Amino acid sequence: MKQLRIFLEMIKFEHTIFALPFAYLGMALAWASSGMLVAPIDWAALAWQFIWITVAMASARTAAMAFNRAIDAEIDARNPRTANRPIQTGRISKRAVWAAGFIALAIMLFAAWQLNDFVLKLSPLAVFGLVGYAYTKRFTWLCHIWLGVVDGAAAAGAWAAVTGNLAHPIPWLLWAAVTVWIAGFDLIYACQDVEIDRKEGLYSIPARFGVAAALRLSQIFHVLTVLLLAAVGMAAGLGWPYWLGLVIVAGLLAYEHSLVSPTDLSKVDLAFFTMNGYIAVITFVATIIGLWAG
């Protein structure tokens, strides 16, 4: 149990909250679009999809974080910010982390199988994205976009888990919105490691173009996030609570950017973790209420 606690702490399992509400959002919009929320409601079918979408999402993130920690173990050991992580201090072995990653990956694939053939057929692409992300900083500064695409796939994947297809603009708009949202706050987070990235020969937008340019691009990405979420609301015909929630989200994103500057990154954790947790939950809640008010 101690090793499990250390592992969950290492991968920041609680931060699954960033993407999980968007997976639920994709699921709920798919339910509404396919008429599954019209009486008589098949509650057993909804519960089955909810459970396996949750399992798929949580296990996918667990696998991605485990592989990322194992693959970057030596680099993290040379980074003062990450040198005290469990692998680096010997509290957990890299072999155990690899094993946990493969177990989580197997669970994700099993969950895809339980959902439908379409998501099962797409799962190899998910595996490639999850494992490949850890290597992207070794060859491209577009690594932030890669992370956004992989995380955004959770929302589109949840839609596909319900409908068995992606033949509608909503999942694509939602995928794009989450992509630029995640990429935007990853740019903020990456500003902490500019010097170590340059020293290690790693690729990132802050290391390549500077912190000021990275923060400005992050702002642009988050403006696009709001615009794409607005497009989702229009495509889904969501009611006024969604739009109120979107205004709040826009305000939180603006506040997030007010917390950091090229000369002061001391509040990155508040901007990265707290604000984005709020944004994910508020967007989900506003969407659910907006469905009923639409």
C-alpha atoms as a PDB file:
ATOM      1  CA  MET A   1       0.000   0.000   0.000  1.00  0.00           C
ATOM      2  CA  LYS A   2       2.868   2.364   0.737  1.00  0.00           C
ATOM      3  CA  GLN A   3       4.295   1.853  -2.744  1.00  0.00           C
ATOM      4  CA  LEU A   4       0.861   2.469  -4.253  1.00  0.00           C
ATOM      5  CA  ARG A   5       0.533   5.737  -2.327  1.00  0.00           C
ATOM      6  CA  ILE A   6       3.976   6.811  -3.493  1.00  0.00           C
ATOM      7  CA  PHE A   7       3.105   5.935  -7.093  1.00  0.00           C
ATOM      8  CA  LEU A   8      -0.204   7.844  -7.012  1.00  0.00           C
ATOM      9  CA  GLU A   9       1.552  10.820  -5.443  1.00  0.00           C
ATOM     10  CA  MET A  10       4.266  10.693  -8.105  1.00  0.00           C
ATOM     11  CA  ILE A  11       1.837  10.734 -11.044  1.00  0.00           C
ATOM     12  CA  LYS A  12      -0.384  13.353  -9.350  1.00  0.00           C
ATOM     13  CA  PHE A  13      -3.416  11.098  -9.748  1.00  0.00           C
ATOM     14  CA  GLU A  14      -5.683  13.773  -8.304  1.00  0.00           C
ATOM     15  CA  HIS A  15      -4.946  15.952 -11.343  1.00  0.00           C
ATOM     16  CA  THR A  16      -7.031  13.594 -13.450  1.00  0.00           C
ATOM     17  CA  ILE A  17      -9.670  16.225 -12.661  1.00  0.00           C
ATOM     18  CA  PHE A  18      -8.192  18.390 -15.449  1.00  0.00           C
ATOM     19  CA  ALA A  19      -9.331  16.132 -18.280  1.00  0.00           C
ATOM     20  CA  LEU A  20     -11.978  13.869 -16.723  1.00  0.00           C
ATOM     21  CA  PRO A  21     -14.735  16.529 -16.679  1.00  0.00           C
ATOM     22  CA  PHE A  22     -14.149  17.085 -20.398  1.00  0.00           C
ATOM     23  CA  ALA A  23     -14.505  13.352 -21.022  1.00  0.00           C
ATOM     24  CA  TYR A  24     -17.791  13.463 -19.116  1.00  0.00           C
ATOM     25  CA  LEU A  25     -18.743  16.537 -21.125  1.00  0.00           C
ATOM     26  CA  GLY A  26     -18.189  14.654 -24.387  1.00  0.00           C
ATOM     27  CA  MET A  27     -20.177  11.748 -22.981  1.00  0.00           C
ATOM     28  CA  ALA A  28     -23.122  13.926 -21.887  1.00  0.00           C
ATOM     29  CA  LEU A  29     -23.264  15.822 -25.186  1.00  0.00           C
ATOM     30  CA  ALA A  30     -23.242  12.496 -27.037  1.00  0.00           C
ATOM     31  CA  TRP A  31     -26.067  11.214 -24.846  1.00  0.00           C
ATOM     32  CA  ALA A  32     -28.100  14.327 -25.642  1.00  0.00           C
ATOM     33  CA  SER A  33     -27.288  14.238 -29.364  1.00  0.00           C
ATOM     34  CA  SER A  34     -28.228  10.560 -29.699  1.00  0.00           C
ATOM     35  CA  GLY A  35     -31.476  10.931 -27.763  1.00  0.00           C
ATOM     36  CA  MET A  36     -30.368   8.794 -24.827  1.00  0.00           C
ATOM     37  CA  LEU A  37     -31.581  11.416 -22.328  1.00  0.00           C
ATOM     38  CA  VAL A  38     -35.155  11.312 -23.640  1.00  0.00           C
ATOM     39  CA  ALA A  39     -37.634   9.173 -21.702  1.00  0.00           C
ATOM     40  CA  PRO A  40     -37.664   6.270 -21.330  1.00  0.00           C
ATOM     41  CA  ILE A  41     -34.024   6.529 -20.282  1.00  0.00           C
ATOM     42  CA  ASP A  42     -31.950   3.339 -20.264  1.00  0.00           C
ATOM     43  CA  TRP A  43     -30.158   3.994 -16.978  1.00  0.00           C
ATOM     44  CA  ALA A  44     -28.251   0.718 -17.126  1.00  0.00           C
ATOM     45  CA  ALA A  45     -26.716   1.649 -20.484  1.00  0.00           C
ATOM     46  CA  LEU A  46     -25.775   5.113 -19.214  1.00  0.00           C
ATOM     47  CA  ALA A  47     -24.187   3.656 -16.075  1.00  0.00           C
ATOM     48  CA  TRP A  48     -22.215   1.108 -18.114  1.00  0.00           C
ATOM     49  CA  GLN A  49     -20.804   3.801 -20.382  1.00  0.00           C
ATOM     50  CA  PHE A  50     -20.074   6.141 -17.479  1.00  0.00           C
ATOM     51  CA  ILE A  51     -18.123   3.464 -15.592  1.00  0.00           C
ATOM     52  CA  TRP A  52     -15.985   2.337 -18.516  1.00  0.00           C
ATOM     53  CA  ILE A  53     -15.337   5.860 -19.793  1.00  0.00           C
ATOM     54  CA  THR A  54     -14.130   6.741 -16.295  1.00  0.00           C
ATOM     55  CA  VAL A  55     -11.912   3.654 -16.154  1.00  0.00           C
ATOM     56  CA  ALA A  56     -10.519   4.307 -19.646  1.00  0.00           C
ATOM     57  CA  MET A  57      -9.755   7.945 -18.904  1.00  0.00           C
ATOM     58  CA  ALA A  58      -8.167   7.382 -15.493  1.00  0.00           C
ATOM     59  CA  SER A  59      -6.075   4.432 -16.666  1.00  0.00           C
ATOM     60  CA  ALA A  60      -4.925   6.277 -19.806  1.00  0.00           C
ATOM     61  CA  ARG A  61      -3.698   9.225 -17.770  1.00  0.00           C
ATOM     62  CA  THR A  62      -2.054   6.884 -15.257  1.00  0.00           C
ATOM     63  CA  ALA A  63      -0.203   5.070 -18.039  1.00  0.00           C
ATOM     64  CA  ALA A  64       0.903   8.330 -19.656  1.00  0.00           C
ATOM     65  CA  MET A  65       2.235   9.772 -16.401  1.00  0.00           C
ATOM     66  CA  ALA A  66       3.982   6.527 -15.428  1.00  0.00           C
ATOM     67  CA  PHE A  67       5.747   6.238 -18.784  1.00  0.00           C
ATOM     68  CA  ASN A  68       6.657   9.919 -18.684  1.00  0.00           C
ATOM     69  CA  ARG A  69       8.223   9.589 -15.215  1.00  0.00           C
ATOM     70  CA  ALA A  70      10.143   6.435 -16.189  1.00  0.00           C
ATOM     71  CA  ILE A  71      11.363   7.710 -19.554  1.00  0.00           C
ATOM     72  CA  ASP A  72      12.485  11.056 -18.129  1.00  0.00           C
ATOM     73  CA  ALA A  73      13.976   9.612 -14.925  1.00  0.00           C
ATOM     74  CA  GLU A  74      17.588  10.549 -15.683  1.00  0.00           C
ATOM     75  CA  ILE A  75      16.699  14.031 -16.937  1.00  0.00           C
ATOM     76  CA  ASP A  76      14.497  14.662 -13.895  1.00  0.00           C
ATOM     77  CA  ALA A  77      17.356  13.629 -11.612  1.00  0.00           C
ATOM     78  CA  ARG A  78      19.457  16.488 -13.021  1.00  0.00           C
ATOM     79  CA  ASN A  79      16.645  19.046 -12.692  1.00  0.00           C
ATOM     80  CA  PRO A  80      16.551  20.723  -9.234  1.00  0.00           C
ATOM     81  CA  ARG A  81      12.753  21.105  -9.512  1.00  0.00           C
ATOM     82  CA  THR A  82      12.198  17.370 -10.026  1.00  0.00           C
ATOM     83  CA  ALA A  83      15.236  15.813  -8.320  1.00  0.00           C
ATOM     84  CA  ASN A  84      13.211  14.890  -5.218  1.00  0.00           C
ATOM     85  CA  ARG A  85      10.616  12.786  -7.024  1.00  0.00           C
ATOM     86  CA  PRO A  86      10.189   9.153  -5.873  1.00  0.00           C
ATOM     87  CA  ILE A  87      12.272   7.475  -8.603  1.00  0.00           C
ATOM     88  CA  GLN A  88      15.110   9.920  -8.110  1.00  0.00           C
ATOM     89  CA  THR A  89      15.174   9.447  -4.324  1.00  0.00           C
ATOM     90  CA  GLY A  90      14.802   5.666  -4.504  1.00  0.00           C
ATOM     91  CA  ARG A  91      11.375   5.514  -2.880  1.00  0.00           C
ATOM     92  CA  ILE A  92      10.082   3.572  -5.885  1.00  0.00           C
ATOM     93  CA  SER A  93      11.953   1.708  -8.597  1.00  0.00           C
ATOM     94  CA  LYS A  94      11.816   2.641 -12.262  1.00  0.00           C
ATOM     95  CA  ARG A  95      10.968  -1.000 -13.029  1.00  0.00           C
ATOM     96  CA  ALA A  96       7.889  -0.774 -10.792  1.00  0.00           C
ATOM     97  CA  VAL A  97       6.805   2.421 -12.529  1.00  0.00           C
ATOM     98  CA  TRP A  98       7.160   0.786 -15.960  1.00  0.00           C
ATOM     99  CA  ALA A  99       5.127  -2.191 -14.735  1.00  0.00           C
ATOM    100  CA  ALA A 100       2.398   0.084 -13.382  1.00  0.00           C
ATOM    101  CA  GLY A 101       2.283   1.914 -16.713  1.00  0.00           C
ATOM    102  CA  PHE A 102       1.771  -1.305 -18.681  1.00  0.00           C
ATOM    103  CA  ILE A 103      -0.906  -2.493 -16.234  1.00  0.00           C
ATOM    104  CA  ALA A 104      -2.747   0.822 -16.631  1.00  0.00           C
ATOM    105  CA  LEU A 105      -2.438   0.527 -20.400  1.00  0.00           C
ATOM    106  CA  ALA A 106      -3.948  -2.967 -20.313  1.00  0.00           C
ATOM    107  CA  ILE A 107      -6.849  -1.661 -18.224  1.00  0.00           C
ATOM    108  CA  MET A 108      -7.417   1.146 -20.728  1.00  0.00           C
ATOM    109  CA  LEU A 109      -7.550  -1.324 -23.621  1.00  0.00           C
ATOM    110  CA  PHE A 110      -9.946  -3.569 -21.687  1.00  0.00           C
ATOM    111  CA  ALA A 111     -12.190  -0.561 -21.013  1.00  0.00           C
ATOM    112  CA  ALA A 112     -12.162   0.320 -24.732  1.00  0.00           C
ATOM    113  CA  TRP A 113     -13.196  -3.257 -25.521  1.00  0.00           C
ATOM    114  CA  GLN A 114     -16.096  -2.954 -23.085  1.00  0.00           C
ATOM    115  CA  LEU A 115     -17.340   0.211 -24.791  1.00  0.00           C
ATOM    116  CA  ASN A 116     -17.488  -0.505 -28.532  1.00  0.00           C
ATOM    117  CA  ASP A 117     -15.498  -1.728 -31.541  1.00  0.00           C
ATOM    118  CA  PHE A 118     -14.900   1.795 -32.832  1.00  0.00           C
ATOM    119  CA  VAL A 119     -12.968   3.016 -29.792  1.00  0.00           C
ATOM    120  CA  LEU A 120     -11.161  -0.325 -29.562  1.00  0.00           C
ATOM    121  CA  LYS A 121      -9.937   0.101 -33.145  1.00  0.00           C
ATOM    122  CA  LEU A 122      -8.781   3.635 -32.324  1.00  0.00           C
ATOM    123  CA  SER A 123      -6.974   2.567 -29.133  1.00  0.00           C
ATOM    124  CA  PRO A 124      -3.600   1.893 -30.853  1.00  0.00           C
ATOM    125  CA  LEU A 125      -3.526   5.587 -31.803  1.00  0.00           C
ATOM    126  CA  ALA A 126      -4.192   6.453 -28.168  1.00  0.00           C
ATOM    127  CA  VAL A 127      -1.339   4.199 -27.051  1.00  0.00           C
ATOM    128  CA  PHE A 128       1.009   5.851 -29.565  1.00  0.00           C
ATOM    129  CA  GLY A 129       0.013   9.300 -28.320  1.00  0.00           C
ATOM    130  CA  LEU A 130       0.330   8.427 -24.637  1.00  0.00           C
ATOM    131  CA  VAL A 131       3.743   6.778 -24.892  1.00  0.00           C
ATOM    132  CA  GLY A 132       5.077   9.084 -27.585  1.00  0.00           C
ATOM    133  CA  TYR A 133       4.524  12.268 -25.603  1.00  0.00           C
ATOM    134  CA  ALA A 134       7.437  11.528 -23.261  1.00  0.00           C
ATOM    135  CA  TYR A 135       9.807  11.530 -26.242  1.00  0.00           C
ATOM    136  CA  THR A 136       8.538  14.662 -28.006  1.00  0.00           C
ATOM    137  CA  LYS A 137      10.732  17.123 -26.080  1.00  0.00           C
ATOM    138  CA  ARG A 138      13.715  15.282 -27.522  1.00  0.00           C
ATOM    139  CA  PHE A 139      12.935  16.326 -31.093  1.00  0.00           C
ATOM    140  CA  THR A 140      10.276  19.064 -31.333  1.00  0.00           C
ATOM    141  CA  TRP A 141       9.145  22.168 -29.467  1.00  0.00           C
ATOM    142  CA  LEU A 142       5.609  21.279 -30.562  1.00  0.00           C
ATOM    143  CA  CYS A 143       5.513  18.906 -27.575  1.00  0.00           C
ATOM    144  CA  HIS A 144       2.945  21.192 -25.903  1.00  0.00           C
ATOM    145  CA  ILE A 145       0.559  20.718 -28.824  1.00  0.00           C
ATOM    146  CA  TRP A 146       1.108  16.949 -28.703  1.00  0.00           C
ATOM    147  CA  LEU A 147       0.121  16.923 -25.032  1.00  0.00           C
ATOM    148  CA  GLY A 148      -2.973  18.972 -25.799  1.00  0.00           C
ATOM    149  CA  VAL A 149      -4.017  16.656 -28.628  1.00  0.00           C
ATOM    150  CA  VAL A 150      -3.589  13.560 -26.439  1.00  0.00           C
ATOM    151  CA  ASP A 151      -5.535  15.045 -23.524  1.00  0.00           C
ATOM    152  CA  GLY A 152      -8.191  16.480 -25.824  1.00  0.00           C
ATOM    153  CA  ALA A 153      -8.760  13.039 -27.288  1.00  0.00           C
ATOM    154  CA  ALA A 154     -10.446  12.105 -24.000  1.00  0.00           C
ATOM    155  CA  ALA A 155     -13.419  14.319 -24.841  1.00  0.00           C
ATOM    156  CA  ALA A 156     -13.740  13.056 -28.413  1.00  0.00           C
ATOM    157  CA  GLY A 157     -13.124   9.507 -27.249  1.00  0.00           C
ATOM    158  CA  ALA A 158     -15.967   9.723 -24.749  1.00  0.00           C
ATOM    159  CA  TRP A 159     -18.266  10.902 -27.545  1.00  0.00           C
ATOM    160  CA  ALA A 160     -17.142   7.955 -29.680  1.00  0.00           C
ATOM    161  CA  ALA A 161     -17.648   5.582 -26.736  1.00  0.00           C
ATOM    162  CA  VAL A 162     -21.331   6.556 -26.705  1.00  0.00           C
ATOM    163  CA  THR A 163     -22.070   6.948 -30.418  1.00  0.00           C
ATOM    164  CA  GLY A 164     -19.536   4.611 -32.044  1.00  0.00           C
ATOM    165  CA  ASN A 165     -18.424   7.346 -34.443  1.00  0.00           C
ATOM    166  CA  LEU A 166     -17.017  10.881 -34.735  1.00  0.00           C
ATOM    167  CA  ALA A 167     -19.366  11.968 -37.528  1.00  0.00           C
ATOM    168  CA  HIS A 168     -20.423  15.240 -35.900  1.00  0.00           C
ATOM    169  CA  PRO A 169     -18.685  18.607 -35.454  1.00  0.00           C
ATOM    170  CA  ILE A 170     -19.203  18.662 -31.667  1.00  0.00           C
ATOM    171  CA  PRO A 171     -16.490  16.128 -30.697  1.00  0.00           C
ATOM    172  CA  TRP A 172     -14.002  17.783 -33.059  1.00  0.00           C
ATOM    173  CA  LEU A 173     -14.726  21.247 -31.672  1.00  0.00           C
ATOM    174  CA  LEU A 174     -14.459  19.914 -28.136  1.00  0.00           C
ATOM    175  CA  TRP A 175     -11.205  18.106 -28.964  1.00  0.00           C
ATOM    176  CA  ALA A 176      -9.766  21.326 -30.415  1.00  0.00           C
ATOM    177  CA  ALA A 177     -10.892  23.355 -27.391  1.00  0.00           C
ATOM    178  CA  VAL A 178      -9.239  21.001 -24.915  1.00  0.00           C
ATOM    179  CA  THR A 179      -6.120  20.793 -27.099  1.00  0.00           C
ATOM    180  CA  VAL A 180      -5.432  24.531 -26.999  1.00  0.00           C
ATOM    181  CA  TRP A 181      -6.485  24.780 -23.343  1.00  0.00           C
ATOM    182  CA  ILE A 182      -4.046  22.066 -22.243  1.00  0.00           C
ATOM    183  CA  ALA A 183      -1.278  23.312 -24.553  1.00  0.00           C
ATOM    184  CA  GLY A 184      -1.776  26.823 -23.198  1.00  0.00           C
ATOM    185  CA  PHE A 185      -1.282  25.968 -19.566  1.00  0.00           C
ATOM    186  CA  ASP A 186       1.509  23.507 -20.377  1.00  0.00           C
ATOM    187  CA  LEU A 187       3.350  26.462 -21.913  1.00  0.00           C
ATOM    188  CA  ILE A 188       3.035  28.291 -18.587  1.00  0.00           C
ATOM    189  CA  TYR A 189       4.296  25.267 -16.672  1.00  0.00           C
ATOM    190  CA  ALA A 190       7.220  24.728 -19.063  1.00  0.00           C
ATOM    191  CA  CYS A 191       8.519  28.239 -18.385  1.00  0.00           C
ATOM    192  CA  GLN A 192       9.937  26.921 -15.106  1.00  0.00           C
ATOM    193  CA  ASP A 193      12.409  24.653 -16.903  1.00  0.00           C
ATOM    194  CA  VAL A 194      13.867  26.929 -19.565  1.00  0.00           C
ATOM    195  CA  GLU A 195      17.440  26.726 -18.326  1.00  0.00           C
ATOM    196  CA  ILE A 196      17.461  22.971 -17.724  1.00  0.00           C
ATOM    197  CA  ASP A 197      15.801  22.346 -21.116  1.00  0.00           C
ATOM    198  CA  ARG A 198      18.482  24.364 -22.858  1.00  0.00           C
ATOM    199  CA  LYS A 199      21.225  22.660 -20.882  1.00  0.00           C
ATOM    200  CA  GLU A 200      19.852  19.187 -21.673  1.00  0.00           C
ATOM    201  CA  GLY A 201      19.239  20.010 -25.328  1.00  0.00           C
ATOM    202  CA  LEU A 202      15.500  19.516 -24.939  1.00  0.00           C
ATOM    203  CA  TYR A 203      12.885  21.203 -27.082  1.00  0.00           C
ATOM    204  CA  SER A 204      10.153  23.469 -25.774  1.00  0.00           C
ATOM    205  CA  ILE A 205       8.638  26.755 -26.879  1.00  0.00           C
ATOM    206  CA  PRO A 206       9.915  28.662 -23.800  1.00  0.00           C
ATOM    207  CA  ALA A 207      13.430  27.274 -24.336  1.00  0.00           C
ATOM    208  CA  ARG A 208      13.368  28.042 -28.068  1.00  0.00           C
ATOM    209  CA  PHE A 209      11.598  31.417 -28.161  1.00  0.00           C
ATOM    210  CA  GLY A 210      11.807  32.694 -24.570  1.00  0.00           C
ATOM    211  CA  VAL A 211       9.419  32.967 -21.649  1.00  0.00           C
ATOM    212  CA  ALA A 212       7.708  36.159 -22.831  1.00  0.00           C
ATOM    213  CA  ALA A 213       6.845  34.639 -26.217  1.00  0.00           C
ATOM    214  CA  ALA A 214       5.614  31.430 -24.556  1.00  0.00           C
ATOM    215  CA  LEU A 215       3.311  33.335 -22.208  1.00  0.00           C
ATOM    216  CA  ARG A 216       1.938  35.389 -25.078  1.00  0.00           C
ATOM    217  CA  LEU A 217       1.258  32.238 -27.122  1.00  0.00           C
ATOM    218  CA  SER A 218      -0.435  30.732 -24.071  1.00  0.00           C
ATOM    219  CA  GLN A 219      -2.759  33.734 -23.958  1.00  0.00           C
ATOM    220  CA  ILE A 220      -3.603  33.256 -27.646  1.00  0.00           C
ATOM    221  CA  PHE A 221      -4.312  29.564 -27.067  1.00  0.00           C
ATOM    222  CA  HIS A 222      -6.670  30.394 -24.216  1.00  0.00           C
ATOM    223  CA  VAL A 223      -8.552  32.956 -26.290  1.00  0.00           C
ATOM    224  CA  LEU A 224      -8.991  30.190 -28.861  1.00  0.00           C
ATOM    225  CA  THR A 225     -10.198  27.909 -26.051  1.00  0.00           C
ATOM    226  CA  VAL A 226     -13.045  30.286 -25.228  1.00  0.00           C
ATOM    227  CA  LEU A 227     -13.965  30.719 -28.904  1.00  0.00           C
ATOM    228  CA  LEU A 228     -13.998  26.964 -29.516  1.00  0.00           C
ATOM    229  CA  LEU A 229     -16.082  26.336 -26.392  1.00  0.00           C
ATOM    230  CA  ALA A 230     -18.499  28.968 -27.682  1.00  0.00           C
ATOM    231  CA  ALA A 231     -18.679  27.027 -30.956  1.00  0.00           C
ATOM    232  CA  VAL A 232     -19.444  23.863 -28.958  1.00  0.00           C
ATOM    233  CA  GLY A 233     -22.266  25.679 -27.178  1.00  0.00           C
ATOM    234  CA  MET A 234     -23.776  26.851 -30.455  1.00  0.00           C
ATOM    235  CA  ALA A 235     -23.435  23.461 -32.153  1.00  0.00           C
ATOM    236  CA  ALA A 236     -25.070  21.710 -29.190  1.00  0.00           C
ATOM    237  CA  GLY A 237     -27.779  24.344 -28.706  1.00  0.00           C
ATOM    238  CA  LEU A 238     -26.892  24.814 -25.037  1.00  0.00           C
ATOM    239  CA  GLY A 239     -28.919  27.145 -22.829  1.00  0.00           C
ATOM    240  CA  TRP A 240     -27.951  30.301 -20.960  1.00  0.00           C
ATOM    241  CA  PRO A 241     -26.264  28.532 -17.980  1.00  0.00           C
ATOM    242  CA  TYR A 242     -23.561  27.294 -20.357  1.00  0.00           C
ATOM    243  CA  TRP A 243     -22.868  30.815 -21.569  1.00  0.00           C
ATOM    244  CA  LEU A 244     -22.727  32.124 -18.022  1.00  0.00           C
ATOM    245  CA  GLY A 245     -20.235  29.370 -17.204  1.00  0.00           C
ATOM    246  CA  LEU A 246     -18.188  30.280 -20.278  1.00  0.00           C
ATOM    247  CA  VAL A 247     -17.972  33.897 -19.116  1.00  0.00           C
ATOM    248  CA  ILE A 248     -16.699  32.660 -15.735  1.00  0.00           C
ATOM    249  CA  VAL A 249     -14.174  30.392 -17.461  1.00  0.00           C
ATOM    250  CA  ALA A 250     -12.938  33.303 -19.577  1.00  0.00           C
ATOM    251  CA  GLY A 251     -12.505  35.351 -16.405  1.00  0.00           C
ATOM    252  CA  LEU A 252     -10.569  32.555 -14.698  1.00  0.00           C
ATOM    253  CA  LEU A 253      -8.278  32.176 -17.710  1.00  0.00           C
ATOM    254  CA  ALA A 254      -7.597  35.930 -17.636  1.00  0.00           C
ATOM    255  CA  TYR A 255      -6.871  35.703 -13.912  1.00  0.00           C
ATOM    256  CA  GLU A 256      -4.590  32.711 -14.506  1.00  0.00           C
ATOM    257  CA  HIS A 257      -2.483  34.799 -16.867  1.00  0.00           C
ATOM    258  CA  SER A 258      -2.369  37.691 -14.418  1.00  0.00           C
ATOM    259  CA  LEU A 259      -0.585  35.401 -11.941  1.00  0.00           C
ATOM    260  CA  VAL A 260       2.516  34.925 -14.082  1.00  0.00           C
ATOM    261  CA  SER A 261       4.888  37.162 -16.014  1.00  0.00           C
ATOM    262  CA  PRO A 262       8.272  36.760 -17.701  1.00  0.00           C
ATOM    263  CA  THR A 263       9.899  38.110 -14.538  1.00  0.00           C
ATOM    264  CA  ASP A 264       7.736  36.350 -11.947  1.00  0.00           C
ATOM    265  CA  LEU A 265       6.833  32.651 -12.156  1.00  0.00           C
ATOM    266  CA  SER A 266       6.392  32.170  -8.415  1.00  0.00           C
ATOM    267  CA  LYS A 267       2.649  31.509  -8.756  1.00  0.00           C
ATOM    268  CA  VAL A 268       2.857  28.915 -11.522  1.00  0.00           C
ATOM    269  CA  ASP A 269       1.455  26.160  -9.299  1.00  0.00           C
ATOM    270  CA  LEU A 270      -1.633  28.260  -8.492  1.00  0.00           C
ATOM    271  CA  ALA A 271      -2.105  29.122 -12.174  1.00  0.00           C
ATOM    272  CA  PHE A 272      -1.430  25.576 -13.358  1.00  0.00           C
ATOM    273  CA  PHE A 273      -3.206  23.387 -10.818  1.00  0.00           C
ATOM    274  CA  THR A 274      -5.886  25.339  -8.935  1.00  0.00           C
ATOM    275  CA  MET A 275      -7.252  27.533 -11.716  1.00  0.00           C
ATOM    276  CA  ASN A 276      -7.402  24.762 -14.300  1.00  0.00           C
ATOM    277  CA  GLY A 277      -9.165  22.422 -11.897  1.00  0.00           C
ATOM    278  CA  TYR A 278     -11.847  25.081 -11.420  1.00  0.00           C
ATOM    279  CA  ILE A 279     -12.098  25.682 -15.164  1.00  0.00           C
ATOM    280  CA  ALA A 280     -12.650  21.987 -15.938  1.00  0.00           C
ATOM    281  CA  VAL A 281     -15.348  21.539 -13.296  1.00  0.00           C
ATOM    282  CA  ILE A 282     -17.169  24.792 -14.098  1.00  0.00           C
ATOM    283  CA  THR A 283     -17.243  23.982 -17.816  1.00  0.00           C
ATOM    284  CA  PHE A 284     -18.690  20.543 -17.114  1.00  0.00           C
ATOM    285  CA  VAL A 285     -21.336  21.765 -14.658  1.00  0.00           C
ATOM    286  CA  ALA A 286     -22.351  24.649 -16.948  1.00  0.00           C
ATOM    287  CA  THR A 287     -22.685  22.227 -19.857  1.00  0.00           C
ATOM    288  CA  ILE A 288     -24.894  19.806 -17.920  1.00  0.00           C
ATOM    289  CA  ILE A 289     -27.190  22.576 -16.722  1.00  0.00           C
ATOM    290  CA  GLY A 290     -27.108  24.148 -20.184  1.00  0.00           C
ATOM    291  CA  LEU A 291     -28.347  20.883 -21.690  1.00  0.00           C
ATOM    292  CA  TRP A 292     -31.474  20.994 -19.584  1.00  0.00           C
ATOM    293  CA  ALA A 293     -32.027  24.721 -20.163  1.00  0.00           C
ATOM    294  CA  GLY A 294     -31.397  24.554 -23.915  1.00  0.00           C
END
